[in-house]
Every structure is written in structure tokens, then in C-alpha cells.
Amino acid sequence: MARFLIRDFALANSAYIGAVVHFFGVDAGEADEENLITLYEGLTGSGTLRNPQRLDGEGKNAAPIYADEECIARVSGLAIDDHDTGIISVPGGEAPTYAGAVMTPTGADVANPTYPYTIIFATAVRNPSGVWTVASPTKLIVPAGWTGGRLLGQVAWTAIAADAYVAATWYKNGSATPYRAVSGKAAVTNPVLQVVTPMLVLVAGDEWTLVADTSDATSNIDISDCWAEMELTEGAE
């Protein structure tokens, strides 16, 4: 089962302040007391959380909790009797799906490019929504039906002069946006910048490109450390 957010105990409830919650696996529709499931701290990654959990001073989870198997939560440690929830599983009974694209360039480093330089992508790590195509290798294009999401990207350089600035900027339809990361003076010869937008209202057909810039015209783009993502969150799920 794909990992999902446990929504139970996400809202404050004064009756549950300080409660201890065990998350058991499910056996024949009942809590399997011999199976404390693994709880995760994120939708991805290997970080785990303690099971059982103690609800905070507002009677809710202190932080988001994720699981990758259905479970039943048992609430204890209160003046009222211990009690179980129903079966907790993926909302709607379906695994969450990813919409968007994660792209990387390939090949050798780009030596002495003309700046500002638009990153050219070639490998789709993920691209289920058709955000990227070979015909437009620099562009992440908002697909039809989607109205919300964000852009994330990373640009890396080598052989940067010590007194040079570096910048990474998201462009939309050929024009620079306010979403950029800038280092006024490179502290190392191989700086890396990440630039992330907030959640935006997206328009189908808009073209987003990741653009690198620097005052050192003799520098190189480190292809192996560049990537970009368009994460789609609202619209045609």
C-alpha cells in the first residue's frame, strides 16, 4: 500500500489531551495487538516515529503521521475507557497519485555558457502528467485541467570565481518571475542554489523554465547537480 497521511487526531480535542495512541495492524477487521505498525514522519523518506504516540497539549498529533498499511488506533491513558477507532486507510480507498514532473539534464557540464542560461532537460525521473516533452526540452508546461501547484529547482556551477554572484530564477513564458535564489558572492567555487515557489495559481499552457545566471562568464554549469520539478496539486486529479 502506498504511504498515506493518518488524518485521525489531526485536530485539537481537549478530551484527548495527553492520551496515548497505539497504532495496530488489522487482522480480520480487528486490531492486531501483536503488530504495532511502522509510523513515518513524511510521505517519503526513511524517517520513522514512535509507536505509540502521545497526543499533545491540545489533544492532537504533535506532528503529521504517515503509514503504509491500514491500521486501527487504540486510545488509552484517559479518565474514560480505552477505545479503538475504525480501520484507518488511504482516504477514498485509493492510493495517492503523483501529478507533475521531475526532470534532470544529462551529458557533460556546460562550459562557459552564455548567461543567462536556460537549463536543458533530457531525463524524466517522473512525468506522468506530460509536463515535459522532448520537443520542448527547456520547458515545464502546465497541462490542461490543472490550476494549482509549485515549481522547485536546483542549479549548480563549477569553476566560479570567488567574487562572483550566482542566481537561479524561474521564468514564466519567457519573463523572469520574483521566484529566485541569489548568492551575492560565491563562498565556494562550486555553489549550488535551490529555488522554490509558493503554491501558485497555474494556467494551462504556461511555460516555466529554470534560468541560471552569474557574473563569471567563464564558469561551468554542473549538469550532474541540476534538476527541476513542477508539482501539480489542484485541478484534474
Protein backbone atom coordinates (compact mmCIF):
# COMPACT_ATOMS: atom_id res chain seq x y z
CA MET A 1 0.00 0.00 0.00
CA ALA A 2 1.25 3.49 -0.82
CA ARG A 3 2.10 5.68 2.16
CA PHE A 4 -0.69 7.98 3.34
CA LEU A 5 -1.35 10.65 5.95
CA ILE A 6 -3.17 9.48 9.08
CA ARG A 7 -5.89 12.14 9.45
CA ASP A 8 -7.21 10.86 12.79
CA PHE A 9 -6.17 13.05 15.75
CA ALA A 10 -5.07 15.87 13.42
CA LEU A 11 -7.49 18.36 15.01
CA ALA A 12 -7.44 19.66 18.58
CA ASN A 13 -9.71 17.84 21.04
CA SER A 14 -9.43 18.80 24.70
CA ALA A 15 -10.87 15.43 25.78
CA TYR A 16 -7.79 13.72 24.32
CA ILE A 17 -5.06 15.85 25.89
CA GLY A 18 -2.19 13.59 26.91
CA ALA A 19 -3.77 10.43 25.50
CA VAL A 20 -1.55 7.55 24.42
CA VAL A 21 -2.40 6.16 20.98
CA HIS A 22 -1.18 2.76 19.76
CA PHE A 23 -1.46 2.11 16.02
CA PHE A 24 -2.06 -1.62 15.45
CA GLY A 25 -2.23 -3.57 12.23
CA VAL A 26 -5.54 -5.11 11.18
CA ASP A 27 -6.42 -8.81 11.34
CA ALA A 28 -9.89 -9.92 10.25
CA GLY A 29 -11.21 -6.42 10.83
CA GLU A 30 -9.90 -6.20 14.39
CA ALA A 31 -6.82 -4.60 15.97
CA ASP A 32 -3.83 -6.97 15.82
CA GLU A 33 -2.29 -6.28 19.21
CA GLU A 34 0.90 -8.11 18.25
CA ASN A 35 1.54 -5.79 15.32
CA LEU A 36 2.49 -2.21 16.13
CA ILE A 37 2.86 -0.80 12.64
CA THR A 38 5.69 1.45 11.47
CA LEU A 39 4.84 5.14 11.57
CA TYR A 40 6.67 7.57 9.29
CA GLU A 41 7.42 11.27 9.60
CA GLY A 42 6.90 12.03 5.91
CA LEU A 43 5.14 10.87 2.77
CA THR A 44 8.55 9.81 1.51
CA GLY A 45 11.87 9.10 3.19
CA SER A 46 13.03 6.64 5.85
CA GLY A 47 12.40 8.74 8.99
CA THR A 48 10.13 6.98 11.49
CA LEU A 49 8.11 7.98 14.56
CA ARG A 50 7.47 6.27 17.87
CA ASN A 51 4.53 3.90 18.17
CA PRO A 52 2.64 4.55 20.43
CA GLN A 53 2.25 8.31 20.12
CA ARG A 54 1.23 10.71 22.90
CA LEU A 55 -1.21 13.44 21.90
CA ASP A 56 -0.11 16.98 22.70
CA GLY A 57 -1.47 19.70 24.99
CA GLU A 58 -4.30 20.36 22.52
CA GLY A 59 -5.30 16.70 22.23
CA LYS A 60 -3.92 16.18 18.72
CA ASN A 61 -0.90 14.70 16.97
CA ALA A 62 2.20 16.74 17.70
CA ALA A 63 3.28 16.33 14.05
CA PRO A 64 1.90 14.71 10.88
CA ILE A 65 1.97 10.90 10.95
CA TYR A 66 2.13 8.63 7.91
CA ALA A 67 1.63 4.87 7.45
CA ASP A 68 1.87 2.40 4.59
CA GLU A 69 -0.64 -0.15 5.84
CA GLU A 70 -4.16 0.04 7.18
CA CYS A 71 -4.40 0.23 10.95
CA ILE A 72 -6.62 0.68 13.98
CA ALA A 73 -5.73 3.23 16.64
CA ARG A 74 -6.32 2.48 20.32
CA VAL A 75 -6.70 5.46 22.65
CA SER A 76 -5.69 4.95 26.28
CA GLY A 77 -4.40 6.81 29.32
CA LEU A 78 -7.54 8.88 29.88
CA ALA A 79 -10.23 9.01 32.54
CA ILE A 80 -12.60 7.43 30.04
CA ASP A 81 -12.31 3.78 28.93
CA ASP A 82 -9.77 2.75 26.34
CA HIS A 83 -11.32 2.61 22.88
CA ASP A 84 -10.46 1.86 19.26
CA THR A 85 -11.02 3.82 16.08
CA GLY A 86 -12.33 2.24 12.94
CA ILE A 87 -9.93 0.99 10.28
CA ILE A 88 -7.64 3.81 9.14
CA SER A 89 -6.60 3.56 5.50
CA VAL A 90 -5.97 5.62 2.38
CA PRO A 91 -8.73 8.26 2.05
CA GLY A 92 -11.25 7.04 -0.51
CA GLY A 93 -9.64 3.61 -0.50
CA GLU A 94 -7.26 4.57 -3.29
CA ALA A 95 -3.53 5.18 -3.24
CA PRO A 96 -2.48 8.81 -3.65
CA THR A 97 -1.02 9.58 -7.04
CA TYR A 98 1.69 11.97 -8.11
CA ALA A 99 1.00 14.66 -10.70
CA GLY A 100 3.76 16.72 -12.26
CA ALA A 101 7.29 16.07 -13.45
CA VAL A 102 10.81 15.77 -12.07
CA MET A 103 13.47 16.45 -14.68
CA THR A 104 17.26 16.32 -14.89
CA PRO A 105 19.74 17.28 -17.59
CA THR A 106 22.19 14.72 -18.95
CA GLY A 107 25.63 14.81 -20.54
CA ALA A 108 28.80 16.76 -19.82
CA ASP A 109 28.98 20.00 -17.89
CA VAL A 110 28.13 23.10 -19.94
CA ALA A 111 31.39 25.02 -20.27
CA ASN A 112 31.29 28.83 -20.48
CA PRO A 113 27.62 29.15 -21.46
CA THR A 114 26.14 32.45 -22.50
CA TYR A 115 24.34 33.83 -19.45
CA PRO A 116 21.52 33.99 -18.53
CA TYR A 117 21.47 30.26 -19.38
CA THR A 118 18.27 28.21 -19.55
CA ILE A 119 18.71 24.67 -18.21
CA ILE A 120 18.04 21.99 -20.83
CA PHE A 121 16.44 18.80 -19.53
CA ALA A 122 16.69 15.34 -21.03
CA THR A 123 15.72 12.71 -18.44
CA ALA A 124 12.32 12.37 -16.80
CA VAL A 125 12.60 10.96 -13.30
CA ARG A 126 8.81 11.31 -13.14
CA ASN A 127 6.47 12.71 -15.78
CA PRO A 128 3.03 11.09 -15.50
CA SER A 129 1.18 14.29 -16.42
CA GLY A 130 3.05 15.09 -19.62
CA VAL A 131 4.54 18.29 -18.19
CA TRP A 132 7.76 17.83 -20.21
CA THR A 133 8.31 16.74 -23.81
CA VAL A 134 11.40 16.10 -25.91
CA ALA A 135 10.18 18.74 -28.36
CA SER A 136 10.49 21.47 -25.68
CA PRO A 137 13.46 20.32 -23.58
CA THR A 138 13.84 23.51 -21.53
CA LYS A 139 10.17 23.87 -20.59
CA LEU A 140 7.86 22.53 -17.91
CA ILE A 141 4.39 23.22 -19.30
CA VAL A 142 1.20 23.31 -17.20
CA PRO A 143 -1.11 20.61 -18.61
CA ALA A 144 -4.79 21.14 -19.31
CA GLY A 145 -7.11 20.88 -16.32
CA TRP A 146 -4.60 21.83 -13.64
CA THR A 147 -4.99 25.06 -11.69
CA GLY A 148 -2.53 24.87 -8.81
CA GLY A 149 0.96 23.75 -7.89
CA ARG A 150 4.52 24.91 -7.40
CA LEU A 151 7.94 24.91 -9.06
CA LEU A 152 11.13 23.63 -7.47
CA GLY A 153 14.61 23.64 -8.94
CA GLN A 154 18.34 23.42 -8.33
CA VAL A 155 21.25 24.86 -10.28
CA ALA A 156 24.93 24.08 -9.66
CA TRP A 157 28.16 25.52 -11.03
CA THR A 158 31.85 24.67 -11.13
CA ALA A 159 34.90 26.92 -11.53
CA ILE A 160 33.13 30.02 -10.17
CA ALA A 161 35.36 32.97 -9.33
CA ALA A 162 35.48 33.78 -5.62
CA ASP A 163 33.94 37.24 -6.02
CA ALA A 164 31.17 36.24 -8.47
CA TYR A 165 27.44 36.27 -7.77
CA VAL A 166 25.21 33.36 -8.82
CA ALA A 167 21.45 33.28 -9.33
CA ALA A 168 18.73 30.78 -10.19
CA THR A 169 15.37 32.14 -11.37
CA TRP A 170 12.09 30.67 -12.54
CA TYR A 171 10.88 32.26 -15.77
CA LYS A 172 7.27 32.09 -16.97
CA ASN A 173 6.53 32.42 -20.68
CA GLY A 174 9.98 33.90 -21.26
CA SER A 175 9.93 36.51 -18.49
CA ALA A 176 11.64 36.43 -15.09
CA THR A 177 9.38 35.93 -12.07
CA PRO A 178 10.08 37.06 -8.48
CA TYR A 179 10.89 33.46 -7.59
CA ARG A 180 14.67 33.30 -7.49
CA ALA A 181 17.65 32.46 -5.31
CA VAL A 182 20.75 34.66 -5.32
CA SER A 183 24.17 34.48 -3.71
CA GLY A 184 25.80 37.90 -3.76
CA LYS A 185 29.30 36.48 -3.52
CA ALA A 186 30.13 32.84 -4.07
CA ALA A 187 31.74 31.36 -0.97
CA VAL A 188 32.97 28.29 -2.86
CA THR A 189 33.98 27.52 -6.44
CA ASN A 190 31.11 25.04 -6.87
CA PRO A 191 28.00 26.79 -5.46
CA VAL A 192 24.52 25.26 -5.52
CA LEU A 193 21.26 27.21 -5.36
CA GLN A 194 17.73 25.93 -4.84
CA VAL A 195 14.69 28.00 -5.79
CA VAL A 196 11.13 27.12 -4.73
CA THR A 197 7.90 28.97 -5.42
CA PRO A 198 4.94 29.02 -3.03
CA MET A 199 1.80 27.20 -4.10
CA LEU A 200 0.65 29.14 -7.16
CA VAL A 201 -2.43 29.52 -9.32
CA LEU A 202 -1.32 27.84 -12.54
CA VAL A 203 -2.68 28.37 -16.04
CA ALA A 204 -2.76 25.57 -18.60
CA GLY A 205 -0.21 26.15 -21.34
CA ASP A 206 2.08 28.41 -19.30
CA GLU A 207 5.72 27.55 -19.89
CA TRP A 208 8.17 27.56 -16.96
CA THR A 209 11.93 27.48 -17.39
CA LEU A 210 14.79 27.38 -14.91
CA VAL A 211 17.45 30.00 -15.69
CA ALA A 212 20.98 30.26 -14.29
CA ASP A 213 23.00 33.45 -14.17
CA THR A 214 26.37 34.59 -12.83
CA SER A 215 28.83 37.42 -13.20
CA ASP A 216 31.56 34.87 -14.04
CA ALA A 217 31.26 34.23 -17.78
CA THR A 218 34.00 31.58 -17.65
CA SER A 219 32.16 29.29 -15.23
CA ASN A 220 30.53 25.94 -15.97
CA ILE A 221 27.06 24.55 -15.27
CA ASP A 222 27.39 21.33 -13.24
CA ILE A 223 24.84 19.18 -15.06
CA SER A 224 25.01 16.32 -12.55
CA ASP A 225 23.62 18.53 -9.78
CA CYS A 226 20.81 20.32 -11.62
CA TRP A 227 17.14 19.34 -11.54
CA ALA A 228 13.65 20.83 -11.73
CA GLU A 229 10.14 19.85 -10.68
CA MET A 230 6.62 21.04 -11.38
CA GLU A 231 4.36 19.64 -8.66
CA LEU A 232 0.66 19.78 -9.55
CA THR A 233 -1.75 19.85 -6.62
CA GLU A 234 -5.10 21.28 -7.75
CA GLY A 235 -7.30 20.58 -10.71
CA ALA A 236 -7.69 17.43 -12.74
CA GLU A 237 -6.79 14.80 -10.14
